[in-house]
């Protein structure tokens, strides 16, 4: 699995966790922990998605 694919997977899982957490888990005690973990997954995934290639210069 490439780094970009893993990043996309992390973003999707983080977004789904945020939605579920905000919709169903607000009255429970683990709300804050799950919220922070889902934000971390989302942000780390965003930073893993871009793929850059070296520019080729002919000299």
N, C-alpha and C. Protein backbone atom coordinates (compact mmCIF):
# COMPACT_ATOMS: atom_id res chain seq x y z
N UNK A 1 0.85 -1.16 0.00
CA UNK A 1 0.00 0.00 0.00
C UNK A 1 0.90 1.23 0.00
N UNK A 2 0.65 2.14 -0.92
CA UNK A 2 1.49 3.32 -1.02
C UNK A 2 1.12 4.34 0.05
N UNK A 3 1.99 5.29 0.22
CA UNK A 3 1.78 6.33 1.23
C UNK A 3 0.53 7.15 0.89
N UNK A 4 0.33 7.44 -0.38
CA UNK A 4 -0.83 8.22 -0.80
C UNK A 4 -2.13 7.47 -0.54
N UNK A 5 -2.17 6.19 -0.84
CA UNK A 5 -3.36 5.38 -0.61
C UNK A 5 -3.66 5.29 0.89
N UNK A 6 -2.63 5.11 1.69
CA UNK A 6 -2.79 5.05 3.14
C UNK A 6 -3.31 6.39 3.68
N UNK A 7 -2.84 7.49 3.11
CA UNK A 7 -3.32 8.82 3.51
C UNK A 7 -4.79 9.01 3.19
N UNK A 8 -5.22 8.58 2.01
CA UNK A 8 -6.63 8.68 1.63
C UNK A 8 -7.48 7.84 2.58
N UNK A 9 -7.02 6.65 2.89
CA UNK A 9 -7.73 5.77 3.82
C UNK A 9 -7.87 6.43 5.20
N UNK A 10 -6.79 7.07 5.67
CA UNK A 10 -6.83 7.72 6.98
C UNK A 10 -7.80 8.90 6.99
N UNK A 11 -7.84 9.67 5.90
CA UNK A 11 -8.77 10.80 5.82
C UNK A 11 -10.21 10.31 5.87
N UNK A 12 -10.51 9.27 5.12
CA UNK A 12 -11.87 8.74 5.09
C UNK A 12 -12.27 8.19 6.46
N UNK A 13 -11.40 7.42 7.09
CA UNK A 13 -11.70 6.87 8.42
C UNK A 13 -11.85 8.00 9.44
N UNK A 14 -11.00 9.00 9.38
CA UNK A 14 -11.10 10.13 10.30
C UNK A 14 -12.39 10.91 10.13
N UNK A 15 -12.81 11.13 8.88
CA UNK A 15 -14.05 11.85 8.62
C UNK A 15 -15.27 11.05 9.10
N UNK A 16 -15.27 9.76 8.85
CA UNK A 16 -16.38 8.92 9.31
C UNK A 16 -16.43 8.89 10.84
N UNK A 17 -15.26 8.81 11.48
CA UNK A 17 -15.22 8.82 12.94
C UNK A 17 -15.73 10.14 13.50
N UNK A 18 -15.41 11.25 12.84
CA UNK A 18 -15.92 12.56 13.28
C UNK A 18 -17.44 12.61 13.20
N UNK A 19 -17.99 12.14 12.09
CA UNK A 19 -19.44 12.17 11.89
C UNK A 19 -20.15 11.30 12.94
N UNK A 20 -19.65 10.09 13.13
CA UNK A 20 -20.27 9.20 14.11
C UNK A 20 -20.13 9.77 15.52
N UNK A 21 -18.98 10.32 15.82
CA UNK A 21 -18.74 10.88 17.14
C UNK A 21 -19.69 12.04 17.43
N UNK A 22 -19.83 12.96 16.47
CA UNK A 22 -20.71 14.10 16.68
C UNK A 22 -22.18 13.71 16.71
N UNK A 23 -22.54 12.67 15.98
CA UNK A 23 -23.95 12.29 15.88
C UNK A 23 -24.42 11.44 17.05
N UNK A 24 -23.61 10.49 17.50
CA UNK A 24 -24.09 9.49 18.44
C UNK A 24 -23.39 9.44 19.78
N UNK A 25 -22.16 9.89 19.86
CA UNK A 25 -21.37 9.63 21.06
C UNK A 25 -21.23 10.83 21.99
N UNK A 26 -21.96 11.91 21.76
CA UNK A 26 -21.80 13.10 22.58
C UNK A 26 -22.07 12.87 24.07
N UNK A 27 -23.06 12.08 24.47
CA UNK A 27 -23.31 11.91 25.91
C UNK A 27 -22.34 10.97 26.62
N UNK A 28 -21.48 10.29 25.89
CA UNK A 28 -20.60 9.31 26.53
C UNK A 28 -19.28 9.93 26.96
N UNK A 29 -18.57 9.25 27.87
CA UNK A 29 -17.36 9.80 28.45
C UNK A 29 -16.16 9.81 27.50
N UNK A 30 -16.16 8.98 26.47
CA UNK A 30 -15.03 8.91 25.55
C UNK A 30 -15.18 9.86 24.36
N UNK A 31 -16.11 10.77 24.43
CA UNK A 31 -16.37 11.71 23.34
C UNK A 31 -15.13 12.51 22.98
N UNK A 32 -14.48 13.10 23.97
CA UNK A 32 -13.31 13.95 23.70
C UNK A 32 -12.13 13.16 23.15
N UNK A 33 -11.91 11.96 23.66
CA UNK A 33 -10.79 11.13 23.20
C UNK A 33 -10.99 10.74 21.73
N UNK A 34 -12.18 10.29 21.41
CA UNK A 34 -12.46 9.88 20.03
C UNK A 34 -12.42 11.09 19.11
N UNK A 35 -12.88 12.24 19.58
CA UNK A 35 -12.84 13.46 18.76
C UNK A 35 -11.41 13.84 18.42
N UNK A 36 -10.53 13.81 19.40
CA UNK A 36 -9.13 14.16 19.15
C UNK A 36 -8.45 13.16 18.23
N UNK A 37 -8.70 11.88 18.44
CA UNK A 37 -8.11 10.86 17.58
C UNK A 37 -8.60 10.98 16.13
N UNK A 38 -9.88 11.29 15.95
CA UNK A 38 -10.39 11.42 14.59
C UNK A 38 -9.80 12.65 13.91
N UNK A 39 -9.60 13.74 14.64
CA UNK A 39 -8.96 14.92 14.05
C UNK A 39 -7.51 14.64 13.68
N UNK A 40 -6.81 13.91 14.53
CA UNK A 40 -5.41 13.56 14.24
C UNK A 40 -5.33 12.68 13.00
N UNK A 41 -6.21 11.66 12.92
CA UNK A 41 -6.24 10.81 11.73
C UNK A 41 -6.49 11.62 10.47
N UNK A 42 -7.45 12.52 10.55
CA UNK A 42 -7.81 13.34 9.40
C UNK A 42 -6.64 14.22 8.95
N UNK A 43 -6.00 14.90 9.89
CA UNK A 43 -4.92 15.82 9.54
C UNK A 43 -3.67 15.09 9.05
N UNK A 44 -3.30 14.00 9.70
CA UNK A 44 -2.13 13.24 9.25
C UNK A 44 -2.39 12.66 7.87
N UNK A 45 -3.61 12.20 7.63
CA UNK A 45 -3.97 11.68 6.32
C UNK A 45 -3.87 12.74 5.23
N UNK A 46 -4.29 13.95 5.55
CA UNK A 46 -4.20 15.05 4.57
C UNK A 46 -2.75 15.31 4.19
N UNK A 47 -1.86 15.26 5.16
CA UNK A 47 -0.45 15.52 4.87
C UNK A 47 0.23 14.37 4.13
N UNK A 48 -0.35 13.19 4.17
CA UNK A 48 0.24 12.04 3.48
C UNK A 48 -0.23 11.91 2.03
N UNK A 49 -1.30 12.60 1.66
CA UNK A 49 -1.87 12.43 0.32
C UNK A 49 -1.02 13.01 -0.81
N UNK A 50 -0.52 14.24 -0.70
CA UNK A 50 0.21 14.81 -1.84
C UNK A 50 1.42 13.98 -2.25
N UNK A 51 1.59 13.85 -3.54
CA UNK A 51 2.78 13.17 -4.04
C UNK A 51 3.50 14.14 -4.98
N UNK A 52 4.72 14.40 -4.67
CA UNK A 52 5.51 15.33 -5.46
C UNK A 52 6.58 14.58 -6.21
N UNK A 53 6.87 15.05 -7.40
CA UNK A 53 7.95 14.43 -8.18
C UNK A 53 9.03 15.48 -8.40
N UNK A 54 10.25 15.00 -8.52
CA UNK A 54 11.37 15.91 -8.75
C UNK A 54 11.26 16.50 -10.14
N UNK A 55 11.60 17.75 -10.24
CA UNK A 55 11.59 18.38 -11.55
C UNK A 55 12.85 17.96 -12.31
N UNK A 56 12.67 17.68 -13.56
CA UNK A 56 13.80 17.24 -14.38
C UNK A 56 14.32 18.44 -15.18
N UNK A 57 15.56 18.78 -14.93
CA UNK A 57 16.19 19.88 -15.67
C UNK A 57 17.28 19.31 -16.55
N UNK A 58 17.23 19.63 -17.79
CA UNK A 58 18.26 19.17 -18.74
C UNK A 58 19.33 20.26 -18.85
N UNK A 59 20.55 19.92 -18.50
CA UNK A 59 21.64 20.90 -18.58
C UNK A 59 22.70 20.39 -19.49
